[in-house]
Amino acid sequence: MTQMNAFLKGILDGINTLFNNYGWSIIVFTLLIKLVLLPFDYKSRVGMRKTTRIQPQVAALQKKYANDKEKLNAKMAELYKKEGVNPLSSCLPMLLTLPILFAMFTAMRMVANEHLVQQTFAILQGNEPVLENWLWIKNLWMPDSPFAAAWPDLNSLNLIPADIWQNAIAALSPEALAELSGKVEAATGVAVSAEAFNTNLKGTIQAIHTTMASMPALEGTLSYAERVAAIPGYEFNLIFTTVKVVKDFNGWFLLPLLSAGSQYLMSSLQPTQPAGDQQQPSTGNFMKWFFPLFTLWLCFSYTAAFALYWVASNLIAMAQTWGINKYLDMKEKNAANVVTAEGKIK
């Protein structure tokens, strides 16, 4: 765990002590992150407007010095200095946002893993696991999808690293560990211990899953095997994988769709590249569709908590963009009015 991951995880856990729900805590956390980055975003928007404003001069220089790159670069640098333009200023928010995005993804993955292990141990002990629900989602630590169970399944358990299992084992009382290990060993012949996750991680996880699948249902509820089983007739073979609608599914696929839709809107609202600095139109169109589709896959594959973070981040970013643009429009209009008024006085 890096210091950044631990720091973000600590903030998220701290916010959750106030709201007692990770769904709302993630939204509040995302808002705080966006507010911290707002000054950099504002500076970037100002820089982009300056760059757009001098494009006629840039185009004239490019035409005049088309055959003298060295002279062109010198004149461009002179123009940028005169107008107070930093060509790299628009990249600053992305340079800050991407590391935070990756760190946030890791931090939420750690929180999800810890809760999934706790839920797994509760099932093995014959108890109903405590799920982290939010609105229509039954368990934030599983994907928001009819193809994902609300309870931890084998795929989600296989993604959990050994150290998370070992920390959870260390937190159990000797009696609880003996009971848990005894059930798994009786069903599969595999003993559960901290060392077992080092020497045979996948085998131990498989033994735990097999044990859960063999356990009877609690009174008046579905068994674990029934909860993670597919509804008969609702299994679909795709090119690379097979998907199945789970009997006790976790969500309605709304967050992945919202994440892709908001990502598309974000791409559509981005200002076009200034003249003379444009990429090929086909490349721009490809990226406009690639990012929403990539977002759809990402938020479908990972937890509902991460998808919620992505949606909240996009919506807040769009609101900030609208607000900054309105403010800058008003500021430029007022400045133009002052110049006009001074001209009339003269």
Foldseek 3Di string as FASTA:
>chain_A
DDPLLVVLLVQLVVLCVVVVASLVSLLVSLVVVCVVCLVLQLQLVVLVVLVQVCLVVLVVLCVVVVPPVVVSVVVVVVVCVVSVHDPCSNCVSVVVVVVNLVSNVVNVLLVLLLLLLQCLLCLLVVHHRDARDDVQFGHQQAAAALQFFSHDALVSQVVRALVSNQVVQVPDDPVSQVSSQVLLCVQPVDGDHSVCCVPPVSVVSVSSNSSQLPDQDDPPDHGPVQRADADPPAWDDDDPGITGRGPRGGHHLVLLVLLLVLLLVVLVPDDADHPPPHDPPVVSVCVSNPVSVVSSVVSRHGGNSSSSSSNSNSVVVVVSVVVSVVVVVVVVVVVVVVVVVVVVVD
